[in-house]
Amino acid sequence: MGRVTSAAPHLSAEAIARRLKQTAGTREHRRWLIIWNALVNPSTAREIAKHTGVAENTVPDLVSRYRRFGAQAVEAPRSSKRRRCYVSKEEEVIFLSPFLEKAKSGVIATAAEIRRGLE
């Protein structure tokens, strides 16, 4: 039998239940459901993962982050938004416009050309 996974009581069970009802996205809803299960009915990560429909290693990772950072760990954006970029979206459009104009006329830009322009 595995170790029992339990969540720190940063929020009450009622507060977590309210957040479960308010969440629209399935990813955030599942995260709150994991925390709720770990708080209300502490059990092994395997059992919680089975109840919530996530991978078994997701449960201890999320519960650990919740213990350290509280509700912010659950609400943190974990999507493919632009976080690591050199220039803003508008600057990127301006920078790539000459290459796109050349591409319309049939000239293909190489990665080396784009890199030289960026540097």
N, C-alpha and C. Protein backbone atom coordinates (compact mmCIF):
# COMPACT_ATOMS: atom_id res chain seq x y z
N MET A 1 0.84 -1.18 0.00
CA MET A 1 0.00 0.00 0.00
C MET A 1 0.88 1.24 0.00
N GLY A 2 0.50 2.25 -0.78
CA GLY A 2 1.28 3.46 -0.90
C GLY A 2 1.05 4.42 0.24
N ARG A 3 1.79 5.51 0.20
CA ARG A 3 1.65 6.53 1.22
C ARG A 3 0.34 7.29 1.04
N VAL A 4 -0.21 7.73 2.14
CA VAL A 4 -1.45 8.50 2.11
C VAL A 4 -1.13 9.93 1.69
N THR A 5 -1.89 10.43 0.73
CA THR A 5 -1.72 11.79 0.23
C THR A 5 -2.79 12.67 0.86
N SER A 6 -2.36 13.68 1.58
CA SER A 6 -3.31 14.61 2.18
C SER A 6 -2.85 16.03 1.91
N ALA A 7 -3.82 16.92 1.79
CA ALA A 7 -3.52 18.32 1.47
C ALA A 7 -3.49 19.16 2.74
N ALA A 8 -2.71 20.21 2.72
CA ALA A 8 -2.68 21.17 3.82
C ALA A 8 -3.97 21.98 3.80
N PRO A 9 -4.50 22.32 4.95
CA PRO A 9 -5.78 23.04 4.98
C PRO A 9 -5.62 24.55 4.74
N HIS A 10 -5.08 24.93 3.58
CA HIS A 10 -5.00 26.36 3.25
C HIS A 10 -6.40 26.94 3.12
N LEU A 11 -7.27 26.18 2.47
CA LEU A 11 -8.67 26.57 2.31
C LEU A 11 -9.55 25.50 2.94
N SER A 12 -10.72 25.87 3.37
CA SER A 12 -11.65 24.90 3.94
C SER A 12 -12.26 24.05 2.82
N ALA A 13 -12.85 22.94 3.19
CA ALA A 13 -13.49 22.06 2.21
C ALA A 13 -14.63 22.79 1.50
N GLU A 14 -15.34 23.65 2.22
CA GLU A 14 -16.44 24.41 1.62
C GLU A 14 -15.92 25.40 0.58
N ALA A 15 -14.80 26.05 0.89
CA ALA A 15 -14.21 27.01 -0.06
C ALA A 15 -13.74 26.29 -1.32
N ILE A 16 -13.17 25.12 -1.15
CA ILE A 16 -12.73 24.35 -2.32
C ILE A 16 -13.94 23.88 -3.13
N ALA A 17 -15.01 23.46 -2.45
CA ALA A 17 -16.23 23.04 -3.15
C ALA A 17 -16.81 24.20 -3.96
N ARG A 18 -16.77 25.42 -3.39
CA ARG A 18 -17.24 26.59 -4.14
C ARG A 18 -16.40 26.83 -5.38
N ARG A 19 -15.09 26.69 -5.25
CA ARG A 19 -14.20 26.88 -6.40
C ARG A 19 -14.42 25.80 -7.45
N LEU A 20 -14.74 24.60 -7.01
CA LEU A 20 -15.05 23.52 -7.96
C LEU A 20 -16.26 23.89 -8.81
N LYS A 21 -17.26 24.50 -8.19
CA LYS A 21 -18.47 24.89 -8.92
C LYS A 21 -18.21 26.07 -9.85
N GLN A 22 -17.26 26.93 -9.49
CA GLN A 22 -17.00 28.13 -10.28
C GLN A 22 -16.07 27.90 -11.46
N THR A 23 -15.26 26.86 -11.43
CA THR A 23 -14.28 26.65 -12.49
C THR A 23 -14.96 26.21 -13.77
N ALA A 24 -14.47 26.76 -14.86
CA ALA A 24 -15.05 26.44 -16.16
C ALA A 24 -14.19 25.45 -16.92
N GLY A 25 -12.89 25.62 -16.88
CA GLY A 25 -11.99 24.75 -17.62
C GLY A 25 -11.81 23.40 -16.93
N THR A 26 -11.70 22.35 -17.70
CA THR A 26 -11.57 21.03 -17.12
C THR A 26 -10.24 20.84 -16.41
N ARG A 27 -9.18 21.47 -16.91
CA ARG A 27 -7.87 21.31 -16.28
C ARG A 27 -7.87 21.88 -14.87
N GLU A 28 -8.36 23.09 -14.69
CA GLU A 28 -8.40 23.69 -13.36
C GLU A 28 -9.39 22.95 -12.46
N HIS A 29 -10.49 22.50 -13.02
CA HIS A 29 -11.49 21.75 -12.25
C HIS A 29 -10.87 20.46 -11.70
N ARG A 30 -10.12 19.77 -12.53
CA ARG A 30 -9.47 18.54 -12.07
C ARG A 30 -8.46 18.82 -10.98
N ARG A 31 -7.74 19.93 -11.09
CA ARG A 31 -6.77 20.27 -10.04
C ARG A 31 -7.47 20.50 -8.71
N TRP A 32 -8.58 21.26 -8.73
CA TRP A 32 -9.31 21.50 -7.50
C TRP A 32 -9.92 20.21 -6.97
N LEU A 33 -10.33 19.33 -7.86
CA LEU A 33 -10.90 18.05 -7.44
C LEU A 33 -9.84 17.18 -6.74
N ILE A 34 -8.62 17.22 -7.23
CA ILE A 34 -7.53 16.49 -6.58
C ILE A 34 -7.30 17.03 -5.17
N ILE A 35 -7.24 18.35 -5.03
CA ILE A 35 -7.02 18.97 -3.72
C ILE A 35 -8.18 18.65 -2.79
N TRP A 36 -9.40 18.71 -3.31
CA TRP A 36 -10.58 18.41 -2.49
C TRP A 36 -10.54 16.97 -1.99
N ASN A 37 -10.22 16.04 -2.87
CA ASN A 37 -10.11 14.63 -2.47
C ASN A 37 -9.02 14.43 -1.43
N ALA A 38 -7.88 15.08 -1.62
CA ALA A 38 -6.77 14.93 -0.69
C ALA A 38 -7.10 15.55 0.68
N LEU A 39 -7.96 16.55 0.70
CA LEU A 39 -8.31 17.20 1.95
C LEU A 39 -9.43 16.46 2.68
N VAL A 40 -10.48 16.09 1.95
CA VAL A 40 -11.65 15.47 2.55
C VAL A 40 -11.44 13.99 2.85
N ASN A 41 -10.84 13.28 1.88
CA ASN A 41 -10.66 11.84 2.03
C ASN A 41 -9.23 11.46 1.67
N PRO A 42 -8.27 11.72 2.56
CA PRO A 42 -6.87 11.39 2.25
C PRO A 42 -6.71 9.90 1.95
N SER A 43 -6.10 9.61 0.82
CA SER A 43 -5.84 8.23 0.42
C SER A 43 -4.59 8.22 -0.44
N THR A 44 -4.28 7.09 -1.03
CA THR A 44 -3.07 7.00 -1.83
C THR A 44 -3.22 7.81 -3.12
N ALA A 45 -2.10 8.16 -3.68
CA ALA A 45 -2.12 8.92 -4.93
C ALA A 45 -2.80 8.12 -6.04
N ARG A 46 -2.62 6.80 -6.02
CA ARG A 46 -3.23 5.94 -7.03
C ARG A 46 -4.77 6.03 -6.97
N GLU A 47 -5.32 6.01 -5.76
CA GLU A 47 -6.78 6.08 -5.61
C GLU A 47 -7.32 7.45 -6.02
N ILE A 48 -6.63 8.50 -5.61
CA ILE A 48 -7.07 9.85 -5.99
C ILE A 48 -6.99 10.02 -7.50
N ALA A 49 -5.93 9.53 -8.11
CA ALA A 49 -5.78 9.62 -9.57
C ALA A 49 -6.89 8.86 -10.27
N LYS A 50 -7.25 7.72 -9.74
CA LYS A 50 -8.33 6.93 -10.35
C LYS A 50 -9.66 7.68 -10.27
N HIS A 51 -9.92 8.33 -9.13
CA HIS A 51 -11.18 9.07 -8.96
C HIS A 51 -11.25 10.31 -9.83
N THR A 52 -10.12 10.96 -10.04
CA THR A 52 -10.13 12.23 -10.76
C THR A 52 -9.77 12.11 -12.23
N GLY A 53 -9.26 10.97 -12.65
CA GLY A 53 -8.95 10.77 -14.07
C GLY A 53 -7.67 11.41 -14.52
N VAL A 54 -6.67 11.44 -13.66
CA VAL A 54 -5.37 12.01 -14.02
C VAL A 54 -4.30 10.94 -13.84
N ALA A 55 -3.09 11.23 -14.29
CA ALA A 55 -1.98 10.32 -14.10
C ALA A 55 -1.60 10.27 -12.61
N GLU A 56 -1.12 9.14 -12.19
CA GLU A 56 -0.80 8.94 -10.78
C GLU A 56 0.26 9.91 -10.27
N ASN A 57 1.25 10.23 -11.10
CA ASN A 57 2.30 11.15 -10.64
C ASN A 57 1.85 12.60 -10.58
N THR A 58 0.72 12.93 -11.17
CA THR A 58 0.18 14.28 -11.12
C THR A 58 -0.28 14.63 -9.70
N VAL A 59 -0.84 13.65 -9.01
CA VAL A 59 -1.42 13.90 -7.68
C VAL A 59 -0.38 14.40 -6.68
N PRO A 60 0.71 13.65 -6.42
CA PRO A 60 1.68 14.17 -5.44
C PRO A 60 2.35 15.47 -5.87
N ASP A 61 2.54 15.65 -7.19
CA ASP A 61 3.13 16.91 -7.67
C ASP A 61 2.24 18.09 -7.32
N LEU A 62 0.95 17.96 -7.63
CA LEU A 62 0.02 19.06 -7.37
C LEU A 62 -0.17 19.30 -5.88
N VAL A 63 -0.31 18.23 -5.11
CA VAL A 63 -0.50 18.38 -3.66
C VAL A 63 0.73 19.02 -3.03
N SER A 64 1.91 18.65 -3.50
CA SER A 64 3.14 19.26 -2.98
C SER A 64 3.17 20.75 -3.27
N ARG A 65 2.82 21.13 -4.51
CA ARG A 65 2.79 22.56 -4.86
C ARG A 65 1.75 23.29 -4.02
N TYR A 66 0.59 22.65 -3.79
CA TYR A 66 -0.47 23.27 -2.99
C TYR A 66 -0.01 23.47 -1.55
N ARG A 67 0.72 22.50 -1.01
CA ARG A 67 1.23 22.65 0.36
C ARG A 67 2.18 23.83 0.46
N ARG A 68 3.02 24.02 -0.55
CA ARG A 68 4.02 25.10 -0.50
C ARG A 68 3.44 26.46 -0.83
N PHE A 69 2.60 26.53 -1.87
CA PHE A 69 2.16 27.83 -2.38
C PHE A 69 0.69 28.14 -2.15
N GLY A 70 -0.09 27.21 -1.68
CA GLY A 70 -1.50 27.45 -1.44
C GLY A 70 -2.31 27.45 -2.72
N ALA A 71 -3.41 28.20 -2.71
CA ALA A 71 -4.35 28.21 -3.83
C ALA A 71 -3.71 28.72 -5.13
N GLN A 72 -2.67 29.52 -5.04
CA GLN A 72 -2.02 30.05 -6.25
C GLN A 72 -1.44 28.93 -7.09
N ALA A 73 -1.04 27.83 -6.48
CA ALA A 73 -0.47 26.71 -7.23
C ALA A 73 -1.51 26.05 -8.11
N VAL A 74 -2.76 26.06 -7.66
CA VAL A 74 -3.83 25.43 -8.43
C VAL A 74 -4.31 26.37 -9.52
N GLU A 75 -4.37 27.65 -9.23
CA GLU A 75 -4.90 28.62 -10.18
C GLU A 75 -3.87 29.12 -11.18
N ALA A 76 -2.62 28.78 -11.00
CA ALA A 76 -1.57 29.27 -11.88
C ALA A 76 -1.82 28.82 -13.31
N PRO A 77 -1.59 29.71 -14.28
CA PRO A 77 -1.82 29.32 -15.67
C PRO A 77 -0.81 28.28 -16.11
N ARG A 78 -1.30 27.21 -16.67
CA ARG A 78 -0.44 26.14 -17.15
C ARG A 78 -0.83 25.82 -18.59
N SER A 79 -0.86 26.84 -19.43
CA SER A 79 -1.24 26.62 -20.82
C SER A 79 -0.12 27.11 -21.72
N SER A 80 -0.35 27.03 -23.00
CA SER A 80 0.70 27.36 -23.96
C SER A 80 0.70 28.84 -24.34
N LYS A 81 0.57 29.71 -23.39
CA LYS A 81 0.63 31.13 -23.67
C LYS A 81 2.08 31.55 -23.86
N ARG A 82 2.27 32.70 -24.48
CA ARG A 82 3.63 33.21 -24.72
C ARG A 82 4.23 33.68 -23.41
N ARG A 83 5.14 32.91 -22.85
CA ARG A 83 5.82 33.32 -21.63
C ARG A 83 7.29 33.57 -21.87
N ARG A 84 7.90 32.76 -22.72
CA ARG A 84 9.33 32.91 -22.99
C ARG A 84 9.50 33.37 -24.43
N CYS A 85 9.60 34.65 -24.62
CA CYS A 85 9.77 35.18 -25.96
C CYS A 85 10.73 36.37 -25.90
N TYR A 86 11.39 36.60 -27.03
CA TYR A 86 12.37 37.67 -27.09
C TYR A 86 11.73 39.02 -27.38
N VAL A 87 10.67 39.00 -28.17
CA VAL A 87 10.01 40.24 -28.56
C VAL A 87 8.51 40.08 -28.34
N SER A 88 7.79 41.19 -28.32
CA SER A 88 6.34 41.12 -28.17
C SER A 88 5.71 40.62 -29.47
N LYS A 89 4.44 40.29 -29.40
CA LYS A 89 3.73 39.77 -30.57
C LYS A 89 3.73 40.81 -31.71
N GLU A 90 3.52 42.08 -31.38
CA GLU A 90 3.49 43.14 -32.39
C GLU A 90 4.85 43.31 -33.04
N GLU A 91 5.92 43.30 -32.22
CA GLU A 91 7.27 43.42 -32.77
C GLU A 91 7.62 42.23 -33.66
N GLU A 92 7.12 41.07 -33.30
CA GLU A 92 7.37 39.87 -34.11
C GLU A 92 6.70 39.99 -35.47
N VAL A 93 5.48 40.50 -35.49
CA VAL A 93 4.76 40.68 -36.77
C VAL A 93 5.52 41.66 -37.66
N ILE A 94 5.99 42.76 -37.08
CA ILE A 94 6.74 43.76 -37.84
C ILE A 94 8.05 43.16 -38.36
N PHE A 95 8.74 42.40 -37.51
CA PHE A 95 10.01 41.80 -37.90
C PHE A 95 9.83 40.78 -39.03
N LEU A 96 8.78 39.97 -38.97
CA LEU A 96 8.59 38.91 -39.96
C LEU A 96 7.94 39.38 -41.26
N SER A 97 7.39 40.58 -41.29
CA SER A 97 6.68 41.04 -42.48
C SER A 97 7.54 41.05 -43.75
N PRO A 98 8.81 41.47 -43.73
CA PRO A 98 9.59 41.40 -44.97
C PRO A 98 9.78 39.96 -45.47
N PHE A 99 9.96 39.04 -44.55
CA PHE A 99 10.13 37.64 -44.94
C PHE A 99 8.84 37.08 -45.52
N LEU A 100 7.70 37.51 -44.98
CA LEU A 100 6.42 37.04 -45.50
C LEU A 100 6.15 37.62 -46.88
N GLU A 101 6.55 38.86 -47.11
CA GLU A 101 6.38 39.47 -48.44
C GLU A 101 7.22 38.72 -49.47
N LYS A 102 8.45 38.36 -49.11
CA LYS A 102 9.30 37.59 -50.02
C LYS A 102 8.68 36.22 -50.29
N ALA A 103 8.08 35.63 -49.26
CA ALA A 103 7.48 34.31 -49.43
C ALA A 103 6.29 34.35 -50.39
N LYS A 104 5.55 35.47 -50.42
CA LYS A 104 4.42 35.61 -51.35
C LYS A 104 4.90 35.62 -52.79
N SER A 105 6.11 36.15 -53.00
CA SER A 105 6.65 36.19 -54.37
C SER A 105 7.40 34.91 -54.73
N GLY A 106 7.46 33.95 -53.79
CA GLY A 106 8.09 32.67 -54.09
C GLY A 106 9.48 32.49 -53.55
N VAL A 107 10.03 33.47 -52.87
CA VAL A 107 11.37 33.36 -52.29
C VAL A 107 11.23 32.82 -50.87
N ILE A 108 11.90 31.72 -50.61
CA ILE A 108 11.79 31.10 -49.29
C ILE A 108 12.93 31.60 -48.41
N ALA A 109 12.57 32.06 -47.24
CA ALA A 109 13.56 32.53 -46.27
C ALA A 109 14.11 31.35 -45.49
N THR A 110 15.40 31.32 -45.29
CA THR A 110 16.00 30.25 -44.51
C THR A 110 16.09 30.66 -43.05
N ALA A 111 16.30 29.69 -42.21
CA ALA A 111 16.44 29.97 -40.77
C ALA A 111 17.67 30.85 -40.51
N ALA A 112 18.71 30.66 -41.30
CA ALA A 112 19.92 31.47 -41.12
C ALA A 112 19.65 32.94 -41.40
N GLU A 113 18.86 33.24 -42.45
CA GLU A 113 18.52 34.63 -42.77
C GLU A 113 17.72 35.26 -41.63
N ILE A 114 16.75 34.53 -41.13
CA ILE A 114 15.90 35.05 -40.06
C ILE A 114 16.72 35.26 -38.79
N ARG A 115 17.64 34.35 -38.53
CA ARG A 115 18.49 34.48 -37.36
C ARG A 115 19.39 35.70 -37.46
N ARG A 116 19.99 35.92 -38.65
CA ARG A 116 20.84 37.10 -38.84
C ARG A 116 20.03 38.37 -38.64
N GLY A 117 18.81 38.40 -39.15
CA GLY A 117 17.95 39.57 -38.96
C GLY A 117 17.59 39.81 -37.51
N LEU A 118 17.40 38.74 -36.78
CA LEU A 118 17.04 38.85 -35.37
C LEU A 118 18.21 39.33 -34.54
N GLU A 119 19.42 38.86 -34.90
CA GLU A 119 20.60 39.25 -34.13
C GLU A 119 21.00 40.66 -34.48
